[in-house]
Amino acid sequence: MRKIVPLLIILLSSQLFALNIQEILPSTENVIVYSNAPTESFFFESNNQLKIVSYSNSVQINSLAGYYTYNFYNENEFTYLNIKNEKFNKTFMVLINPEILILYQKGSSDVFWEGINSPQSEWFYYFSEEEWIVNKKLKASSELKEKSKIYSVRNLGNLSCGNCWSEGVPGNGIGEYIENEIHGRYLYFFSGYVDVNKPYLYKQNSRPKKIMIETKNQTIYLDLEDSPNPQKIFIDEPDWKKPYNIKITILEVYPGTKYDDTCINAIIGVYM
């Protein structure tokens, strides 16, 4: 990443405090369920009890099946989930909103588990890597290249750690953009540089603060939260089931404390 020459060094203390599922996901329900298939589910209960159910072929999820106490807590910009019982104690970094839960395990760059909190009738959307990886209409105004590594726009379809798109121009990338052909009603926007093994890189790099989204029928200006958690964006296209062109432009950023690159972790389409 391109380094900013510091004029002033500020030491920031770590924020660490406990949360429960209702603080993260306001709800009147006693149980909140995330599933990635009818055979794999996390049942979060209001009394800090968690039940993990798995009838799938996934070895890692089958090994977790059982009952736990759980605790969500924040450390700096990220939310963590600790689950434990008499035989087991494990902590995951999570990206979470009312509809999506993504778990990462320290020591690995891959997604450990991902699920959605949605009625079964609405499970017909998918995390669309293909639209961001093989789509020939996908392009960016610039990409950051560092030695042999390229922070490619095609990383936007990949939720693994350390794979983001970063603009590659001097400064914070104001005016840089992404273009693609997509279909669907919503986007989930994952901001910043996200790495479970190097969480400090989120704050050290810049993140989009304000973006402009353009389609054939509309222009949307959005103020984004400074958060790595998925932010849902409604795209009000009249015929959203058919492919349409979209352009996302960076208008303003949250400046990085060390680097001036602006990073976007992922952009995921929703189809339902």
C-alpha atoms as a PDB file:
ATOM      1  CA  MET A   1       0.000   0.000   0.000  1.00  0.00           C
ATOM      2  CA  ARG A   2       1.183   3.556  -0.705  1.00  0.00           C
ATOM      3  CA  LYS A   3       2.350   5.096   2.535  1.00  0.00           C
ATOM      4  CA  ILE A   4       1.385   8.539   3.830  1.00  0.00           C
ATOM      5  CA  VAL A   5       4.225  10.552   5.351  1.00  0.00           C
ATOM      6  CA  PRO A   6       2.921  11.228   8.879  1.00  0.00           C
ATOM      7  CA  LEU A   7       2.961  14.765  10.252  1.00  0.00           C
ATOM      8  CA  LEU A   8       1.652  13.707  13.651  1.00  0.00           C
ATOM      9  CA  ILE A   9       1.627  10.352  15.391  1.00  0.00           C
ATOM     10  CA  ILE A  10      -1.509   9.622  17.411  1.00  0.00           C
ATOM     11  CA  LEU A  11      -1.795   6.551  19.636  1.00  0.00           C
ATOM     12  CA  LEU A  12      -5.297   5.091  19.649  1.00  0.00           C
ATOM     13  CA  SER A  13      -6.434   2.818  22.478  1.00  0.00           C
ATOM     14  CA  SER A  14      -8.292  -0.372  21.611  1.00  0.00           C
ATOM     15  CA  GLN A  15     -12.027  -0.422  22.227  1.00  0.00           C
ATOM     16  CA  LEU A  16     -13.225  -3.709  23.695  1.00  0.00           C
ATOM     17  CA  PHE A  17     -16.744  -4.256  24.960  1.00  0.00           C
ATOM     18  CA  ALA A  18     -19.325  -7.010  25.024  1.00  0.00           C
ATOM     19  CA  LEU A  19     -22.449  -7.125  22.886  1.00  0.00           C
ATOM     20  CA  ASN A  20     -25.410  -9.416  22.595  1.00  0.00           C
ATOM     21  CA  ILE A  21     -27.264 -10.416  19.472  1.00  0.00           C
ATOM     22  CA  GLN A  22     -30.124  -7.992  20.155  1.00  0.00           C
ATOM     23  CA  GLU A  23     -27.702  -5.051  20.227  1.00  0.00           C
ATOM     24  CA  ILE A  24     -26.368  -6.052  16.826  1.00  0.00           C
ATOM     25  CA  LEU A  25     -29.717  -7.119  15.403  1.00  0.00           C
ATOM     26  CA  PRO A  26     -32.676  -5.293  16.971  1.00  0.00           C
ATOM     27  CA  SER A  27     -35.498  -7.809  17.078  1.00  0.00           C
ATOM     28  CA  THR A  28     -38.452  -8.868  19.146  1.00  0.00           C
ATOM     29  CA  GLU A  29     -37.808 -12.496  18.289  1.00  0.00           C
ATOM     30  CA  ASN A  30     -36.395 -14.837  20.929  1.00  0.00           C
ATOM     31  CA  VAL A  31     -34.294 -16.693  18.346  1.00  0.00           C
ATOM     32  CA  ILE A  32     -32.379 -15.359  15.338  1.00  0.00           C
ATOM     33  CA  VAL A  33     -31.339 -17.969  12.784  1.00  0.00           C
ATOM     34  CA  TYR A  34     -28.662 -17.808  10.099  1.00  0.00           C
ATOM     35  CA  SER A  35     -28.549 -20.648   7.563  1.00  0.00           C
ATOM     36  CA  ASN A  36     -26.644 -21.380   4.373  1.00  0.00           C
ATOM     37  CA  ALA A  37     -28.785 -24.408   3.546  1.00  0.00           C
ATOM     38  CA  PRO A  38     -31.677 -26.236   5.191  1.00  0.00           C
ATOM     39  CA  THR A  39     -29.044 -28.526   6.750  1.00  0.00           C
ATOM     40  CA  GLU A  40     -26.719 -25.907   8.351  1.00  0.00           C
ATOM     41  CA  SER A  41     -27.986 -23.305  10.839  1.00  0.00           C
ATOM     42  CA  PHE A  42     -26.848 -21.135  13.751  1.00  0.00           C
ATOM     43  CA  PHE A  43     -29.654 -20.493  16.264  1.00  0.00           C
ATOM     44  CA  PHE A  44     -28.872 -17.442  18.448  1.00  0.00           C
ATOM     45  CA  GLU A  45     -31.135 -17.207  21.482  1.00  0.00           C
ATOM     46  CA  SER A  46     -31.679 -14.094  23.586  1.00  0.00           C
ATOM     47  CA  ASN A  47     -30.226 -15.746  26.729  1.00  0.00           C
ATOM     48  CA  ASN A  48     -26.790 -16.038  25.051  1.00  0.00           C
ATOM     49  CA  GLN A  49     -27.366 -19.649  24.092  1.00  0.00           C
ATOM     50  CA  LEU A  50     -26.326 -20.860  20.651  1.00  0.00           C
ATOM     51  CA  LYS A  51     -27.323 -24.069  18.892  1.00  0.00           C
ATOM     52  CA  ILE A  52     -25.394 -25.115  15.774  1.00  0.00           C
ATOM     53  CA  VAL A  53     -27.185 -27.703  13.650  1.00  0.00           C
ATOM     54  CA  SER A  54     -25.576 -29.489  10.716  1.00  0.00           C
ATOM     55  CA  TYR A  55     -26.690 -32.456   8.647  1.00  0.00           C
ATOM     56  CA  SER A  56     -24.399 -31.596   5.751  1.00  0.00           C
ATOM     57  CA  ASN A  57     -21.144 -33.054   4.472  1.00  0.00           C
ATOM     58  CA  SER A  58     -19.130 -30.121   5.836  1.00  0.00           C
ATOM     59  CA  VAL A  59     -16.543 -31.561   8.238  1.00  0.00           C
ATOM     60  CA  GLN A  60     -15.764 -28.226   9.865  1.00  0.00           C
ATOM     61  CA  ILE A  61     -19.428 -27.379  10.577  1.00  0.00           C
ATOM     62  CA  ASN A  62     -20.265 -30.920  11.668  1.00  0.00           C
ATOM     63  CA  SER A  63     -17.440 -30.674  14.188  1.00  0.00           C
ATOM     64  CA  LEU A  64     -19.137 -27.588  15.678  1.00  0.00           C
ATOM     65  CA  ALA A  65     -22.641 -29.037  15.910  1.00  0.00           C
ATOM     66  CA  GLY A  66     -23.938 -28.716  19.461  1.00  0.00           C
ATOM     67  CA  TYR A  67     -24.889 -26.237  22.189  1.00  0.00           C
ATOM     68  CA  TYR A  68     -22.810 -23.257  23.332  1.00  0.00           C
ATOM     69  CA  THR A  69     -22.887 -20.021  25.208  1.00  0.00           C
ATOM     70  CA  TYR A  70     -21.945 -17.141  22.944  1.00  0.00           C
ATOM     71  CA  ASN A  71     -20.714 -13.589  23.239  1.00  0.00           C
ATOM     72  CA  PHE A  72     -20.335 -10.889  20.633  1.00  0.00           C
ATOM     73  CA  TYR A  73     -17.796  -8.156  21.328  1.00  0.00           C
ATOM     74  CA  ASN A  74     -16.196  -5.278  19.476  1.00  0.00           C
ATOM     75  CA  GLU A  75     -12.482  -4.727  19.190  1.00  0.00           C
ATOM     76  CA  ASN A  76     -11.599  -1.586  17.286  1.00  0.00           C
ATOM     77  CA  GLU A  77     -13.616  -1.667  14.028  1.00  0.00           C
ATOM     78  CA  PHE A  78     -14.491  -5.374  14.009  1.00  0.00           C
ATOM     79  CA  THR A  79     -17.041  -7.593  15.722  1.00  0.00           C
ATOM     80  CA  TYR A  80     -15.966 -10.948  17.149  1.00  0.00           C
ATOM     81  CA  LEU A  81     -18.000 -13.982  18.184  1.00  0.00           C
ATOM     82  CA  ASN A  82     -16.843 -16.270  20.973  1.00  0.00           C
ATOM     83  CA  ILE A  83     -18.573 -19.616  21.426  1.00  0.00           C
ATOM     84  CA  LYS A  84     -17.782 -22.089  24.181  1.00  0.00           C
ATOM     85  CA  ASN A  85     -18.969 -25.100  26.105  1.00  0.00           C
ATOM     86  CA  GLU A  86     -17.255 -27.557  28.461  1.00  0.00           C
ATOM     87  CA  LYS A  87     -15.072 -28.986  25.679  1.00  0.00           C
ATOM     88  CA  PHE A  88     -14.759 -26.139  23.218  1.00  0.00           C
ATOM     89  CA  ASN A  89     -13.766 -22.461  23.157  1.00  0.00           C
ATOM     90  CA  LYS A  90     -13.394 -20.650  19.845  1.00  0.00           C
ATOM     91  CA  THR A  91     -13.443 -17.058  18.574  1.00  0.00           C
ATOM     92  CA  PHE A  92     -14.296 -15.858  15.069  1.00  0.00           C
ATOM     93  CA  MET A  93     -14.111 -12.466  13.438  1.00  0.00           C
ATOM     94  CA  VAL A  94     -17.544 -11.764  11.920  1.00  0.00           C
ATOM     95  CA  LEU A  95     -19.064  -9.537   9.282  1.00  0.00           C
ATOM     96  CA  ILE A  96     -22.713  -9.189  10.208  1.00  0.00           C
ATOM     97  CA  ASN A  97     -25.947  -7.361   9.525  1.00  0.00           C
ATOM     98  CA  PRO A  98     -29.588  -8.414  10.000  1.00  0.00           C
ATOM     99  CA  GLU A  99     -29.435 -10.607   6.887  1.00  0.00           C
ATOM    100  CA  ILE A 100     -25.862 -11.919   6.566  1.00  0.00           C
ATOM    101  CA  LEU A 101     -23.385 -13.602   8.913  1.00  0.00           C
ATOM    102  CA  ILE A 102     -19.838 -14.372   7.726  1.00  0.00           C
ATOM    103  CA  LEU A 103     -17.275 -16.074   9.983  1.00  0.00           C
ATOM    104  CA  TYR A 104     -13.481 -15.927   9.687  1.00  0.00           C
ATOM    105  CA  GLN A 105     -10.971 -17.963  11.681  1.00  0.00           C
ATOM    106  CA  LYS A 106      -7.590 -16.531  12.592  1.00  0.00           C
ATOM    107  CA  GLY A 107      -4.758 -18.181  10.704  1.00  0.00           C
ATOM    108  CA  SER A 108      -6.792 -18.672   7.530  1.00  0.00           C
ATOM    109  CA  SER A 109      -7.705 -16.274   4.728  1.00  0.00           C
ATOM    110  CA  ASP A 110     -10.783 -18.258   3.676  1.00  0.00           C
ATOM    111  CA  VAL A 111     -14.372 -17.762   4.796  1.00  0.00           C
ATOM    112  CA  PHE A 112     -15.057 -20.299   7.558  1.00  0.00           C
ATOM    113  CA  TRP A 113     -18.842 -20.150   7.204  1.00  0.00           C
ATOM    114  CA  GLU A 114     -21.498 -17.865   5.741  1.00  0.00           C
ATOM    115  CA  GLY A 115     -25.262 -17.810   6.173  1.00  0.00           C
ATOM    116  CA  ILE A 116     -28.340 -15.664   5.772  1.00  0.00           C
ATOM    117  CA  ASN A 117     -31.203 -14.742   8.073  1.00  0.00           C
ATOM    118  CA  SER A 118     -34.084 -14.940   5.640  1.00  0.00           C
ATOM    119  CA  PRO A 119     -37.290 -16.924   5.059  1.00  0.00           C
ATOM    120  CA  GLN A 120     -36.681 -20.108   3.103  1.00  0.00           C
ATOM    121  CA  SER A 121     -38.795 -18.735   0.250  1.00  0.00           C
ATOM    122  CA  GLU A 122     -36.175 -15.984  -0.191  1.00  0.00           C
ATOM    123  CA  TRP A 123     -33.106 -18.219  -0.304  1.00  0.00           C
ATOM    124  CA  PHE A 124     -32.940 -17.892  -4.062  1.00  0.00           C
ATOM    125  CA  TYR A 125     -30.091 -15.419  -4.165  1.00  0.00           C
ATOM    126  CA  TYR A 126     -26.438 -16.215  -4.225  1.00  0.00           C
ATOM    127  CA  PHE A 127     -23.063 -14.675  -3.565  1.00  0.00           C
ATOM    128  CA  SER A 128     -22.288 -13.849  -7.164  1.00  0.00           C
ATOM    129  CA  GLU A 129     -18.583 -14.340  -7.720  1.00  0.00           C
ATOM    130  CA  GLU A 130     -19.134 -14.972 -11.422  1.00  0.00           C
ATOM    131  CA  GLU A 131     -20.454 -11.484 -12.116  1.00  0.00           C
ATOM    132  CA  TRP A 132     -17.286  -9.951 -10.671  1.00  0.00           C
ATOM    133  CA  ILE A 133     -14.752 -12.523 -11.874  1.00  0.00           C
ATOM    134  CA  VAL A 134     -15.687 -13.678 -15.374  1.00  0.00           C
ATOM    135  CA  ASN A 135     -17.897 -10.808 -16.520  1.00  0.00           C
ATOM    136  CA  LYS A 136     -16.183  -9.238 -19.535  1.00  0.00           C
ATOM    137  CA  LYS A 137     -17.929  -5.893 -18.915  1.00  0.00           C
ATOM    138  CA  LEU A 138     -16.352  -5.516 -15.483  1.00  0.00           C
ATOM    139  CA  LYS A 139     -13.736  -2.778 -15.300  1.00  0.00           C
ATOM    140  CA  ALA A 140     -12.248  -0.197 -12.973  1.00  0.00           C
ATOM    141  CA  SER A 141     -10.723   3.187 -13.651  1.00  0.00           C
ATOM    142  CA  SER A 142      -7.511   1.984 -11.958  1.00  0.00           C
ATOM    143  CA  GLU A 143      -6.069  -0.857  -9.869  1.00  0.00           C
ATOM    144  CA  LEU A 144      -3.241  -0.777  -7.337  1.00  0.00           C
ATOM    145  CA  LYS A 145      -0.200  -2.873  -8.240  1.00  0.00           C
ATOM    146  CA  GLU A 146       2.413  -3.691  -5.595  1.00  0.00           C
ATOM    147  CA  LYS A 147       5.298  -5.825  -6.829  1.00  0.00           C
ATOM    148  CA  SER A 148       3.618  -9.092  -7.881  1.00  0.00           C
ATOM    149  CA  LYS A 149       0.258  -8.373  -6.204  1.00  0.00           C
ATOM    150  CA  ILE A 150      -2.633  -6.633  -7.951  1.00  0.00           C
ATOM    151  CA  TYR A 151      -5.614  -5.373  -5.950  1.00  0.00           C
ATOM    152  CA  SER A 152      -7.887  -6.197  -8.852  1.00  0.00           C
ATOM    153  CA  VAL A 153     -11.497  -5.199  -9.368  1.00  0.00           C
ATOM    154  CA  ARG A 154     -12.193  -8.925  -9.777  1.00  0.00           C
ATOM    155  CA  ASN A 155     -11.489  -9.339  -6.069  1.00  0.00           C
ATOM    156  CA  LEU A 156     -14.878  -7.736  -5.385  1.00  0.00           C
ATOM    157  CA  GLY A 157     -16.578 -11.108  -5.855  1.00  0.00           C
ATOM    158  CA  ASN A 158     -14.303 -12.839  -3.363  1.00  0.00           C
ATOM    159  CA  LEU A 159     -14.967 -12.594   0.389  1.00  0.00           C
ATOM    160  CA  SER A 160     -11.682 -14.208   1.433  1.00  0.00           C
ATOM    161  CA  CYS A 161      -9.389 -12.062   3.586  1.00  0.00           C
ATOM    162  CA  GLY A 162      -6.864  -9.677   2.077  1.00  0.00           C
ATOM    163  CA  ASN A 163      -8.488  -9.663  -1.371  1.00  0.00           C
ATOM    164  CA  CYS A 164      -9.943  -6.243  -2.051  1.00  0.00           C
ATOM    165  CA  TRP A 165     -10.108  -3.757  -4.894  1.00  0.00           C
ATOM    166  CA  SER A 166      -7.921  -0.707  -4.367  1.00  0.00           C
ATOM    167  CA  GLU A 167      -7.748   2.207  -6.751  1.00  0.00           C
ATOM    168  CA  GLY A 168      -4.259   2.849  -8.084  1.00  0.00           C
ATOM    169  CA  VAL A 169      -3.927   6.602  -8.553  1.00  0.00           C
ATOM    170  CA  PRO A 170      -2.029   9.097  -6.368  1.00  0.00           C
ATOM    171  CA  GLY A 171      -4.099  10.389  -3.447  1.00  0.00           C
ATOM    172  CA  ASN A 172      -7.293   8.938  -1.993  1.00  0.00           C
ATOM    173  CA  GLY A 173      -8.921   7.918  -5.262  1.00  0.00           C
ATOM    174  CA  ILE A 174     -11.632  10.561  -5.407  1.00  0.00           C
ATOM    175  CA  GLY A 175     -13.387  10.161  -8.753  1.00  0.00           C
ATOM    176  CA  GLU A 176     -12.194   6.588  -9.322  1.00  0.00           C
ATOM    177  CA  TYR A 177     -14.928   4.163 -10.312  1.00  0.00           C
ATOM    178  CA  ILE A 178     -16.073   0.613 -11.006  1.00  0.00           C
ATOM    179  CA  GLU A 179     -18.328  -0.406 -13.891  1.00  0.00           C
ATOM    180  CA  ASN A 180     -20.127  -3.691 -14.399  1.00  0.00           C
ATOM    181  CA  GLU A 181     -23.210  -5.377 -15.832  1.00  0.00           C
ATOM    182  CA  ILE A 182     -25.308  -6.967 -13.085  1.00  0.00           C
ATOM    183  CA  HIS A 183     -28.871  -7.962 -12.316  1.00  0.00           C
ATOM    184  CA  GLY A 184     -30.763  -7.952  -9.074  1.00  0.00           C
ATOM    185  CA  ARG A 185     -32.538  -5.622  -6.646  1.00  0.00           C
ATOM    186  CA  TYR A 186     -29.868  -5.109  -4.007  1.00  0.00           C
ATOM    187  CA  LEU A 187     -26.156  -4.861  -3.452  1.00  0.00           C
ATOM    188  CA  TYR A 188     -24.267  -5.606  -0.267  1.00  0.00           C
ATOM    189  CA  PHE A 189     -21.327  -3.227  -0.031  1.00  0.00           C
ATOM    190  CA  PHE A 190     -18.350  -4.371   2.095  1.00  0.00           C
ATOM    191  CA  SER A 191     -16.050  -1.446   2.764  1.00  0.00           C
ATOM    192  CA  GLY A 192     -12.333  -1.283   3.459  1.00  0.00           C
ATOM    193  CA  TYR A 193      -9.433  -3.708   3.692  1.00  0.00           C
ATOM    194  CA  VAL A 194     -10.565  -6.756   5.692  1.00  0.00           C
ATOM    195  CA  ASP A 195      -8.114  -9.350   6.993  1.00  0.00           C
ATOM    196  CA  VAL A 196      -8.711 -11.461  10.118  1.00  0.00           C
ATOM    197  CA  ASN A 197      -4.944 -11.858  10.489  1.00  0.00           C
ATOM    198  CA  LYS A 198      -4.166  -8.139  10.036  1.00  0.00           C
ATOM    199  CA  PRO A 199      -7.258  -6.240  11.263  1.00  0.00           C
ATOM    200  CA  TYR A 200      -5.256  -3.025  11.696  1.00  0.00           C
ATOM    201  CA  LEU A 201      -5.104  -2.648   7.903  1.00  0.00           C
ATOM    202  CA  TYR A 202      -8.774  -1.628   7.866  1.00  0.00           C
ATOM    203  CA  LYS A 203      -8.057   1.673   9.618  1.00  0.00           C
ATOM    204  CA  GLN A 204      -4.636   2.163   8.056  1.00  0.00           C
ATOM    205  CA  ASN A 205      -6.165   2.263   4.545  1.00  0.00           C
ATOM    206  CA  SER A 206      -8.852   4.662   3.336  1.00  0.00           C
ATOM    207  CA  ARG A 207     -12.512   3.603   3.040  1.00  0.00           C
ATOM    208  CA  PRO A 208     -15.305   5.075   0.881  1.00  0.00           C
ATOM    209  CA  LYS A 209     -17.419   7.613   2.758  1.00  0.00           C
ATOM    210  CA  LYS A 210     -19.659   8.829  -0.047  1.00  0.00           C
ATOM    211  CA  ILE A 211     -20.331   7.131  -3.376  1.00  0.00           C
ATOM    212  CA  MET A 212     -22.388   7.779  -6.494  1.00  0.00           C
ATOM    213  CA  ILE A 213     -24.230   4.896  -8.169  1.00  0.00           C
ATOM    214  CA  GLU A 214     -25.374   5.409 -11.770  1.00  0.00           C
ATOM    215  CA  THR A 215     -27.627   3.216 -13.892  1.00  0.00           C
ATOM    216  CA  LYS A 216     -29.558   3.978 -17.060  1.00  0.00           C
ATOM    217  CA  ASN A 217     -32.593   5.107 -15.059  1.00  0.00           C
ATOM    218  CA  GLN A 218     -31.177   6.786 -11.968  1.00  0.00           C
ATOM    219  CA  THR A 219     -28.320   8.376 -10.055  1.00  0.00           C
ATOM    220  CA  ILE A 220     -27.992   7.608  -6.333  1.00  0.00           C
ATOM    221  CA  TYR A 221     -25.776   9.434  -3.833  1.00  0.00           C
ATOM    222  CA  LEU A 222     -25.013   7.418  -0.705  1.00  0.00           C
ATOM    223  CA  ASP A 223     -23.267   8.175   2.578  1.00  0.00           C
ATOM    224  CA  LEU A 224     -21.621   4.998   3.867  1.00  0.00           C
ATOM    225  CA  GLU A 225     -20.883   4.044   7.451  1.00  0.00           C
ATOM    226  CA  ASP A 226     -17.264   3.566   8.412  1.00  0.00           C
ATOM    227  CA  SER A 227     -17.754  -0.142   9.034  1.00  0.00           C
ATOM    228  CA  PRO A 228     -16.512  -3.402   7.506  1.00  0.00           C
ATOM    229  CA  ASN A 229     -19.973  -4.936   7.976  1.00  0.00           C
ATOM    230  CA  PRO A 230     -22.174  -5.385   4.883  1.00  0.00           C
ATOM    231  CA  GLN A 231     -24.264  -2.324   3.988  1.00  0.00           C
ATOM    232  CA  LYS A 232     -27.402  -3.025   1.960  1.00  0.00           C
ATOM    233  CA  ILE A 233     -28.072  -0.795  -1.056  1.00  0.00           C
ATOM    234  CA  PHE A 234     -31.404  -0.862  -2.867  1.00  0.00           C
ATOM    235  CA  ILE A 235     -31.129  -0.433  -6.654  1.00  0.00           C
ATOM    236  CA  ASP A 236     -34.559   0.568  -7.910  1.00  0.00           C
ATOM    237  CA  GLU A 237     -34.266  -0.661 -11.481  1.00  0.00           C
ATOM    238  CA  PRO A 238     -37.648  -1.278 -13.148  1.00  0.00           C
ATOM    239  CA  ASP A 239     -36.560  -4.523 -14.814  1.00  0.00           C
ATOM    240  CA  TRP A 240     -33.969  -5.770 -12.318  1.00  0.00           C
ATOM    241  CA  LYS A 241     -34.234  -9.419 -13.412  1.00  0.00           C
ATOM    242  CA  LYS A 242     -32.475  -8.527 -16.658  1.00  0.00           C
ATOM    243  CA  PRO A 243     -28.804  -7.449 -16.806  1.00  0.00           C
ATOM    244  CA  TYR A 244     -28.182  -3.717 -16.518  1.00  0.00           C
ATOM    245  CA  ASN A 245     -25.090  -1.527 -16.355  1.00  0.00           C
ATOM    246  CA  ILE A 246     -23.964   0.066 -13.117  1.00  0.00           C
ATOM    247  CA  LYS A 247     -21.193   2.526 -12.273  1.00  0.00           C
ATOM    248  CA  ILE A 248     -19.975   3.194  -8.721  1.00  0.00           C
ATOM    249  CA  THR A 249     -17.807   6.290  -8.172  1.00  0.00           C
ATOM    250  CA  ILE A 250     -15.884   7.307  -5.042  1.00  0.00           C
ATOM    251  CA  LEU A 251     -16.831  10.865  -4.034  1.00  0.00           C
ATOM    252  CA  GLU A 252     -15.413  11.103  -0.512  1.00  0.00           C
ATOM    253  CA  VAL A 253     -13.364   8.878   1.810  1.00  0.00           C
ATOM    254  CA  TYR A 254     -12.533   8.163   5.424  1.00  0.00           C
ATOM    255  CA  PRO A 255      -8.748   8.764   5.275  1.00  0.00           C
ATOM    256  CA  GLY A 256      -6.389   5.970   6.252  1.00  0.00           C
ATOM    257  CA  THR A 257      -4.047   6.527   9.168  1.00  0.00           C
ATOM    258  CA  LYS A 258      -1.022   5.171   7.263  1.00  0.00           C
ATOM    259  CA  TYR A 259      -1.879   4.616   3.599  1.00  0.00           C
ATOM    260  CA  ASP A 260      -3.817   6.732   1.114  1.00  0.00           C
ATOM    261  CA  ASP A 261      -5.256   3.806  -0.894  1.00  0.00           C
ATOM    262  CA  THR A 262      -9.050   3.515  -0.839  1.00  0.00           C
ATOM    263  CA  CYS A 263     -10.207  -0.090  -0.556  1.00  0.00           C
ATOM    264  CA  ILE A 264     -13.491  -1.918  -1.135  1.00  0.00           C
ATOM    265  CA  ASN A 265     -13.585  -5.444   0.261  1.00  0.00           C
ATOM    266  CA  ALA A 266     -16.480  -6.895  -1.771  1.00  0.00           C
ATOM    267  CA  ILE A 267     -19.725  -6.080  -3.579  1.00  0.00           C
ATOM    268  CA  ILE A 268     -22.297  -8.867  -3.560  1.00  0.00           C
ATOM    269  CA  GLY A 269     -25.485  -9.055  -5.607  1.00  0.00           C
ATOM    270  CA  VAL A 270     -28.845 -10.102  -4.159  1.00  0.00           C
ATOM    271  CA  TYR A 271     -31.373 -11.897  -6.356  1.00  0.00           C
ATOM    272  CA  MET A 272     -34.880 -12.369  -5.022  1.00  0.00           C
END
